[in-house]
């Protein structure tokens, strides 16, 4: 896929991801209201909420890369670096929220033994892969070019 098509695909997929996250947040909130349970009372809930908010803000920041004339204060390279770094932060928050959910009473009661460790390994490994990819693409290259 060429650069422009890849950028558009990324934009569409990220927009769909944010819409799904907001829909999920709304469903969770509504379910808590119906069951008369407290909202965002666990670390999993708080980190999940923070993740959804960061992802929504991240998408707004991505708009400045699609339409560079909106923000001319920073160079394109600086905006790309901020976008990649904040995207990494959002991804790591999502991995953390997922890990916290795996520590819940329900999850630990239903997923035990080796299966729990395999489930826990998945967000850890993908988080490391994404962190390595962003670091190599944006951070280390910038240092070596200076």
N, C-alpha and C. Protein backbone atom coordinates (compact mmCIF):
# COMPACT_ATOMS: atom_id res chain seq x y z
N UNK A 1 0.84 -1.17 0.00
CA UNK A 1 0.00 0.00 0.00
C UNK A 1 0.89 1.24 0.00
N UNK A 2 0.56 2.20 -0.82
CA UNK A 2 1.36 3.43 -0.89
C UNK A 2 1.05 4.34 0.27
N UNK A 3 1.91 5.36 0.46
CA UNK A 3 1.83 6.25 1.61
C UNK A 3 0.47 6.89 1.82
N UNK A 4 -0.11 7.50 0.78
CA UNK A 4 -1.39 8.19 0.94
C UNK A 4 -2.50 7.21 1.27
N UNK A 5 -2.54 6.07 0.58
CA UNK A 5 -3.57 5.07 0.85
C UNK A 5 -3.41 4.50 2.25
N UNK A 6 -2.17 4.29 2.66
CA UNK A 6 -1.90 3.76 4.00
C UNK A 6 -2.35 4.76 5.06
N UNK A 7 -2.10 6.04 4.82
CA UNK A 7 -2.51 7.09 5.76
C UNK A 7 -4.02 7.14 5.88
N UNK A 8 -4.72 7.07 4.74
CA UNK A 8 -6.19 7.10 4.76
C UNK A 8 -6.74 5.86 5.46
N UNK A 9 -6.15 4.70 5.20
CA UNK A 9 -6.61 3.48 5.86
C UNK A 9 -6.41 3.59 7.37
N UNK A 10 -5.26 4.12 7.78
CA UNK A 10 -4.97 4.32 9.20
C UNK A 10 -6.01 5.26 9.81
N UNK A 11 -6.30 6.35 9.10
CA UNK A 11 -7.26 7.33 9.58
C UNK A 11 -8.64 6.71 9.75
N UNK A 12 -9.10 5.96 8.75
CA UNK A 12 -10.43 5.33 8.82
C UNK A 12 -10.48 4.30 9.94
N UNK A 13 -9.46 3.47 10.05
CA UNK A 13 -9.44 2.44 11.10
C UNK A 13 -9.39 3.06 12.49
N UNK A 14 -8.61 4.12 12.66
CA UNK A 14 -8.54 4.79 13.96
C UNK A 14 -9.87 5.45 14.31
N UNK A 15 -10.52 6.05 13.31
CA UNK A 15 -11.83 6.65 13.56
C UNK A 15 -12.84 5.59 13.98
N UNK A 16 -12.83 4.45 13.29
CA UNK A 16 -13.72 3.35 13.67
C UNK A 16 -13.39 2.83 15.07
N UNK A 17 -12.12 2.76 15.40
CA UNK A 17 -11.71 2.30 16.74
C UNK A 17 -12.22 3.24 17.82
N UNK A 18 -12.12 4.55 17.59
CA UNK A 18 -12.61 5.51 18.59
C UNK A 18 -14.12 5.42 18.71
N UNK A 19 -14.81 5.28 17.59
CA UNK A 19 -16.27 5.15 17.64
C UNK A 19 -16.68 3.89 18.41
N UNK A 20 -15.98 2.79 18.16
CA UNK A 20 -16.26 1.54 18.90
C UNK A 20 -15.95 1.71 20.39
N UNK A 21 -14.85 2.38 20.70
CA UNK A 21 -14.49 2.60 22.11
C UNK A 21 -15.53 3.47 22.81
N UNK A 22 -15.99 4.52 22.13
CA UNK A 22 -17.02 5.38 22.73
C UNK A 22 -18.34 4.64 22.88
N UNK A 23 -18.69 3.82 21.89
CA UNK A 23 -19.90 3.00 21.98
C UNK A 23 -19.79 2.03 23.15
N UNK A 24 -18.64 1.37 23.27
CA UNK A 24 -18.42 0.45 24.39
C UNK A 24 -18.49 1.15 25.73
N UNK A 25 -17.90 2.33 25.81
CA UNK A 25 -17.95 3.11 27.05
C UNK A 25 -19.39 3.46 27.40
N UNK A 26 -20.16 3.85 26.39
CA UNK A 26 -21.57 4.18 26.62
C UNK A 26 -22.37 2.97 27.09
N UNK A 27 -22.11 1.81 26.50
CA UNK A 27 -22.81 0.59 26.90
C UNK A 27 -22.44 0.20 28.33
N UNK A 28 -21.16 0.29 28.65
CA UNK A 28 -20.72 -0.03 30.01
C UNK A 28 -21.36 0.92 31.01
N UNK A 29 -21.36 2.21 30.69
CA UNK A 29 -21.95 3.21 31.59
C UNK A 29 -23.44 2.93 31.79
N UNK A 30 -24.16 2.66 30.70
CA UNK A 30 -25.59 2.37 30.79
C UNK A 30 -25.84 1.11 31.62
N UNK A 31 -25.04 0.09 31.42
CA UNK A 31 -25.18 -1.15 32.18
C UNK A 31 -24.96 -0.90 33.67
N UNK A 32 -23.98 -0.06 34.00
CA UNK A 32 -23.73 0.28 35.41
C UNK A 32 -24.93 1.01 36.01
N UNK A 33 -25.55 1.90 35.22
CA UNK A 33 -26.73 2.63 35.70
C UNK A 33 -27.87 1.65 36.00
N UNK A 34 -28.13 0.74 35.05
CA UNK A 34 -29.22 -0.23 35.24
C UNK A 34 -28.98 -1.15 36.42
N UNK A 35 -27.73 -1.52 36.66
CA UNK A 35 -27.42 -2.42 37.77
C UNK A 35 -27.14 -1.67 39.07
N UNK A 36 -27.23 -0.34 39.01
CA UNK A 36 -26.98 0.52 40.17
C UNK A 36 -25.62 0.23 40.81
N UNK A 37 -24.62 0.10 39.96
CA UNK A 37 -23.25 -0.12 40.42
C UNK A 37 -22.46 1.17 40.22
N UNK A 38 -21.40 1.35 41.01
CA UNK A 38 -20.60 2.58 40.86
C UNK A 38 -19.82 2.60 39.54
N UNK A 39 -19.63 3.81 39.02
CA UNK A 39 -18.90 4.00 37.77
C UNK A 39 -17.43 4.25 38.05
N UNK A 40 -16.57 3.65 37.24
CA UNK A 40 -15.14 3.91 37.27
C UNK A 40 -14.58 3.80 38.69
N UNK A 41 -14.94 2.71 39.35
CA UNK A 41 -14.53 2.52 40.74
C UNK A 41 -13.31 1.60 40.87
N UNK A 42 -12.84 1.05 39.76
CA UNK A 42 -11.67 0.17 39.79
C UNK A 42 -10.55 0.80 38.96
N UNK A 43 -9.35 0.31 39.16
CA UNK A 43 -8.23 0.78 38.34
C UNK A 43 -8.47 0.47 36.87
N UNK A 44 -9.06 -0.70 36.60
CA UNK A 44 -9.36 -1.09 35.23
C UNK A 44 -10.32 -0.07 34.59
N UNK A 45 -11.34 0.33 35.32
CA UNK A 45 -12.30 1.30 34.81
C UNK A 45 -11.69 2.67 34.60
N UNK A 46 -10.89 3.10 35.56
CA UNK A 46 -10.25 4.43 35.45
C UNK A 46 -9.24 4.49 34.31
N UNK A 47 -8.40 3.46 34.21
CA UNK A 47 -7.41 3.44 33.13
C UNK A 47 -8.11 3.28 31.78
N UNK A 48 -9.18 2.50 31.75
CA UNK A 48 -9.96 2.35 30.52
C UNK A 48 -10.56 3.67 30.07
N UNK A 49 -11.12 4.42 31.00
CA UNK A 49 -11.68 5.74 30.68
C UNK A 49 -10.58 6.67 30.17
N UNK A 50 -9.46 6.68 30.85
CA UNK A 50 -8.33 7.51 30.43
C UNK A 50 -7.86 7.11 29.03
N UNK A 51 -7.86 5.82 28.75
CA UNK A 51 -7.45 5.32 27.44
C UNK A 51 -8.38 5.82 26.34
N UNK A 52 -9.69 5.74 26.60
CA UNK A 52 -10.66 6.21 25.60
C UNK A 52 -10.50 7.71 25.36
N UNK A 53 -10.32 8.47 26.43
CA UNK A 53 -10.14 9.92 26.29
C UNK A 53 -8.85 10.24 25.52
N UNK A 54 -7.76 9.56 25.87
CA UNK A 54 -6.49 9.79 25.17
C UNK A 54 -6.60 9.41 23.69
N UNK A 55 -7.31 8.35 23.41
CA UNK A 55 -7.47 7.92 22.02
C UNK A 55 -8.27 8.93 21.22
N UNK A 56 -9.31 9.49 21.83
CA UNK A 56 -10.10 10.52 21.15
C UNK A 56 -9.25 11.76 20.87
N UNK A 57 -8.47 12.18 21.86
CA UNK A 57 -7.58 13.34 21.67
C UNK A 57 -6.51 13.02 20.62
N UNK A 58 -6.01 11.80 20.65
CA UNK A 58 -5.01 11.36 19.67
C UNK A 58 -5.56 11.48 18.25
N UNK A 59 -6.82 11.10 18.06
CA UNK A 59 -7.41 11.22 16.73
C UNK A 59 -7.52 12.67 16.29
N UNK A 60 -7.84 13.54 17.22
CA UNK A 60 -7.88 14.97 16.88
C UNK A 60 -6.50 15.47 16.46
N UNK A 61 -5.48 14.99 17.15
CA UNK A 61 -4.11 15.36 16.78
C UNK A 61 -3.74 14.83 15.41
N UNK A 62 -4.27 13.67 15.06
CA UNK A 62 -4.01 13.10 13.74
C UNK A 62 -4.59 13.94 12.61
N UNK A 63 -5.66 14.67 12.90
CA UNK A 63 -6.26 15.54 11.89
C UNK A 63 -5.26 16.61 11.44
N UNK A 64 -4.40 17.05 12.36
CA UNK A 64 -3.40 18.07 11.99
C UNK A 64 -2.35 17.51 11.03
N UNK A 65 -2.22 16.20 10.99
CA UNK A 65 -1.31 15.59 10.01
C UNK A 65 -1.98 15.44 8.65
N UNK A 66 -3.29 15.19 8.68
CA UNK A 66 -4.03 15.10 7.42
C UNK A 66 -4.18 16.47 6.77
N UNK A 67 -4.38 17.47 7.60
CA UNK A 67 -4.59 18.84 7.11
C UNK A 67 -3.56 19.75 7.77
N UNK A 68 -2.34 19.77 7.25
CA UNK A 68 -1.23 20.48 7.90
C UNK A 68 -1.44 21.99 8.04
N UNK A 69 -2.28 22.57 7.22
CA UNK A 69 -2.48 24.02 7.29
C UNK A 69 -3.26 24.43 8.53
N UNK A 70 -3.90 23.46 9.19
CA UNK A 70 -4.65 23.78 10.42
C UNK A 70 -3.72 24.26 11.53
N UNK A 71 -2.55 23.65 11.63
CA UNK A 71 -1.59 24.00 12.68
C UNK A 71 -0.23 24.20 12.02
N UNK A 72 0.16 25.42 11.86
CA UNK A 72 1.45 25.69 11.23
C UNK A 72 2.51 26.07 12.26
N UNK A 73 2.12 26.03 13.52
CA UNK A 73 3.03 26.42 14.59
C UNK A 73 4.21 25.45 14.72
N UNK A 74 3.94 24.15 14.51
CA UNK A 74 4.97 23.13 14.62
C UNK A 74 5.27 22.55 13.25
N UNK A 75 6.49 22.08 13.08
CA UNK A 75 6.86 21.46 11.81
C UNK A 75 6.14 20.11 11.67
N UNK A 76 6.07 19.63 10.45
CA UNK A 76 5.44 18.35 10.19
C UNK A 76 6.17 17.23 10.93
N UNK A 77 7.48 17.29 10.96
CA UNK A 77 8.27 16.26 11.66
C UNK A 77 7.95 16.25 13.15
N UNK A 78 7.80 17.43 13.74
CA UNK A 78 7.48 17.53 15.17
C UNK A 78 6.09 16.96 15.43
N UNK A 79 5.13 17.30 14.57
CA UNK A 79 3.77 16.78 14.74
C UNK A 79 3.73 15.26 14.59
N UNK A 80 4.51 14.73 13.64
CA UNK A 80 4.56 13.27 13.47
C UNK A 80 5.15 12.61 14.71
N UNK A 81 6.19 13.21 15.27
CA UNK A 81 6.80 12.67 16.49
C UNK A 81 5.81 12.68 17.64
N UNK A 82 5.11 13.80 17.85
CA UNK A 82 4.11 13.88 18.92
C UNK A 82 2.98 12.89 18.68
N UNK A 83 2.55 12.77 17.43
CA UNK A 83 1.45 11.85 17.11
C UNK A 83 1.86 10.40 17.39
N UNK A 84 3.06 10.03 16.99
CA UNK A 84 3.54 8.66 17.22
C UNK A 84 3.73 8.40 18.71
N UNK A 85 4.29 9.36 19.42
CA UNK A 85 4.54 9.18 20.86
C UNK A 85 3.23 9.11 21.64
N UNK A 86 2.29 9.98 21.32
CA UNK A 86 1.01 9.94 22.03
C UNK A 86 0.21 8.69 21.64
N UNK A 87 0.37 8.23 20.40
CA UNK A 87 -0.27 6.98 20.00
C UNK A 87 0.30 5.80 20.77
N UNK A 88 1.60 5.81 20.97
CA UNK A 88 2.25 4.77 21.78
C UNK A 88 1.73 4.81 23.21
N UNK A 89 1.62 6.00 23.78
CA UNK A 89 1.08 6.14 25.13
C UNK A 89 -0.33 5.57 25.21
N UNK A 90 -1.16 5.90 24.23
CA UNK A 90 -2.53 5.37 24.20
C UNK A 90 -2.55 3.86 24.10
N UNK A 91 -1.67 3.30 23.27
CA UNK A 91 -1.61 1.85 23.12
C UNK A 91 -1.16 1.18 24.42
N UNK A 92 -0.17 1.77 25.07
CA UNK A 92 0.30 1.21 26.34
C UNK A 92 -0.76 1.33 27.43
N UNK A 93 -1.53 2.42 27.41
CA UNK A 93 -2.65 2.55 28.35
C UNK A 93 -3.68 1.45 28.09
N UNK A 94 -3.96 1.18 26.82
CA UNK A 94 -4.92 0.12 26.48
C UNK A 94 -4.41 -1.24 26.97
N UNK A 95 -3.12 -1.49 26.78
CA UNK A 95 -2.53 -2.75 27.27
C UNK A 95 -2.62 -2.83 28.79
N UNK A 96 -2.36 -1.70 29.46
CA UNK A 96 -2.47 -1.67 30.92
C UNK A 96 -3.89 -1.91 31.40
N UNK A 97 -4.85 -1.30 30.73
CA UNK A 97 -6.26 -1.51 31.08
C UNK A 97 -6.65 -2.97 30.89
N UNK A 98 -6.18 -3.55 29.80
CA UNK A 98 -6.45 -4.96 29.54
C UNK A 98 -5.84 -5.84 30.63
N UNK A 99 -4.61 -5.54 31.02
CA UNK A 99 -3.96 -6.31 32.08
C UNK A 99 -4.71 -6.17 33.41
N UNK A 100 -5.15 -4.95 33.71
CA UNK A 100 -5.92 -4.75 34.95
C UNK A 100 -7.23 -5.51 34.91
N UNK A 101 -7.86 -5.58 33.74
CA UNK A 101 -9.09 -6.37 33.60
C UNK A 101 -8.83 -7.85 33.83
N UNK A 102 -7.65 -8.31 33.45
CA UNK A 102 -7.29 -9.71 33.66
C UNK A 102 -7.04 -10.04 35.13
N UNK A 103 -6.88 -9.01 35.93
CA UNK A 103 -6.69 -9.22 37.37
C UNK A 103 -8.00 -9.15 38.14
N UNK A 104 -9.11 -8.95 37.44
CA UNK A 104 -10.41 -8.85 38.11
C UNK A 104 -10.82 -10.21 38.68
N UNK A 105 -11.71 -10.18 39.64
CA UNK A 105 -12.19 -11.42 40.25
C UNK A 105 -12.85 -12.32 39.22
N UNK A 106 -13.67 -11.73 38.34
CA UNK A 106 -14.35 -12.53 37.34
C UNK A 106 -13.36 -13.24 36.43
N UNK A 107 -12.37 -12.50 35.92
CA UNK A 107 -11.42 -13.08 34.97
C UNK A 107 -10.58 -14.15 35.63
N UNK A 108 -10.08 -13.88 36.84
CA UNK A 108 -9.22 -14.86 37.50
C UNK A 108 -10.01 -16.10 37.93
N UNK A 109 -11.32 -15.96 38.12
CA UNK A 109 -12.14 -17.13 38.45
C UNK A 109 -12.43 -17.98 37.21
N UNK A 110 -12.50 -17.35 36.05
CA UNK A 110 -12.87 -18.06 34.83
C UNK A 110 -11.69 -18.47 33.96
N UNK A 111 -10.58 -17.80 34.11
CA UNK A 111 -9.39 -18.13 33.32
C UNK A 111 -8.26 -18.39 34.31
N UNK A 112 -7.81 -19.63 34.36
CA UNK A 112 -6.82 -20.00 35.37
C UNK A 112 -5.62 -20.69 34.72
N UNK A 113 -4.61 -20.85 35.53
CA UNK A 113 -3.42 -21.60 35.11
C UNK A 113 -2.69 -20.98 33.94
N UNK A 114 -2.24 -21.86 33.05
CA UNK A 114 -1.45 -21.43 31.89
C UNK A 114 -2.24 -20.50 30.98
N UNK A 115 -3.54 -20.68 30.88
CA UNK A 115 -4.37 -19.82 30.01
C UNK A 115 -4.28 -18.36 30.46
N UNK A 116 -4.27 -18.13 31.78
CA UNK A 116 -4.17 -16.75 32.28
C UNK A 116 -2.83 -16.14 31.88
N UNK A 117 -1.77 -16.92 32.02
CA UNK A 117 -0.45 -16.41 31.67
C UNK A 117 -0.33 -16.12 30.17
N UNK A 118 -0.93 -16.97 29.35
CA UNK A 118 -0.91 -16.72 27.91
C UNK A 118 -1.69 -15.45 27.57
N UNK A 119 -2.84 -15.26 28.24
CA UNK A 119 -3.62 -14.04 28.03
C UNK A 119 -2.83 -12.81 28.48
N UNK A 120 -2.13 -12.92 29.58
CA UNK A 120 -1.35 -11.79 30.10
C UNK A 120 -0.15 -11.50 29.21
N UNK A 121 0.40 -12.52 28.60
CA UNK A 121 1.57 -12.34 27.74
C UNK A 121 1.23 -11.57 26.47
N UNK A 122 0.02 -11.73 25.97
CA UNK A 122 -0.36 -11.10 24.71
C UNK A 122 -0.25 -9.57 24.73
N UNK A 123 -0.89 -8.85 25.68
CA UNK A 123 -0.72 -7.39 25.67
C UNK A 123 0.69 -6.95 26.03
N UNK A 124 1.38 -7.74 26.84
CA UNK A 124 2.77 -7.39 27.17
C UNK A 124 3.66 -7.43 25.93
N UNK A 125 3.55 -8.51 25.18
CA UNK A 125 4.40 -8.65 23.99
C UNK A 125 4.02 -7.65 22.91
N UNK A 126 2.73 -7.46 22.67
CA UNK A 126 2.34 -6.50 21.63
C UNK A 126 2.73 -5.08 22.05
N UNK A 127 2.64 -4.78 23.33
CA UNK A 127 3.07 -3.47 23.81
C UNK A 127 4.55 -3.24 23.57
N UNK A 128 5.36 -4.27 23.81
CA UNK A 128 6.80 -4.16 23.55
C UNK A 128 7.10 -4.00 22.06
N UNK A 129 6.36 -4.73 21.23
CA UNK A 129 6.58 -4.64 19.79
C UNK A 129 6.24 -3.24 19.29
N UNK A 130 5.11 -2.70 19.71
CA UNK A 130 4.71 -1.36 19.27
C UNK A 130 5.69 -0.32 19.81
N UNK A 131 6.11 -0.47 21.06
CA UNK A 131 7.07 0.47 21.64
C UNK A 131 8.39 0.44 20.86
N UNK A 132 8.85 -0.73 20.50
CA UNK A 132 10.07 -0.86 19.71
C UNK A 132 9.91 -0.22 18.33
N UNK A 133 8.77 -0.46 17.71
CA UNK A 133 8.52 0.09 16.37
C UNK A 133 8.52 1.62 16.39
N UNK A 134 7.82 2.21 17.34
CA UNK A 134 7.75 3.67 17.42
C UNK A 134 9.12 4.24 17.78
N UNK A 135 9.81 3.60 18.71
CA UNK A 135 11.14 4.08 19.10
C UNK A 135 12.10 4.06 17.93
N UNK A 136 12.11 2.96 17.19
CA UNK A 136 13.01 2.86 16.04
C UNK A 136 12.64 3.83 14.93
N UNK A 137 11.36 4.02 14.71
CA UNK A 137 10.92 4.87 13.59
C UNK A 137 11.08 6.35 13.88
N UNK A 138 10.91 6.76 15.14
CA UNK A 138 10.87 8.19 15.43
C UNK A 138 11.93 8.67 16.41
N UNK A 139 12.13 7.95 17.49
CA UNK A 139 12.99 8.47 18.55
C UNK A 139 14.47 8.26 18.27
N UNK A 140 14.87 7.05 17.97
CA UNK A 140 16.29 6.78 17.78
C UNK A 140 16.82 7.45 16.52
N UNK A 141 16.00 7.52 15.48
CA UNK A 141 16.41 8.16 14.24
C UNK A 141 16.68 9.64 14.47
N UNK A 142 15.84 10.28 15.27
CA UNK A 142 16.01 11.71 15.53
C UNK A 142 17.32 11.98 16.27
N UNK A 143 17.65 11.12 17.23
CA UNK A 143 18.89 11.30 17.98
C UNK A 143 20.11 11.13 17.09
N UNK A 144 20.07 10.14 16.22
CA UNK A 144 21.23 9.87 15.38
C UNK A 144 21.40 10.93 14.29
N UNK A 145 20.31 11.61 13.91
CA UNK A 145 20.41 12.65 12.90
C UNK A 145 20.89 13.96 13.48
N UNK A 146 20.78 14.14 14.80
CA UNK A 146 21.18 15.41 15.43
C UNK A 146 22.67 15.57 15.47
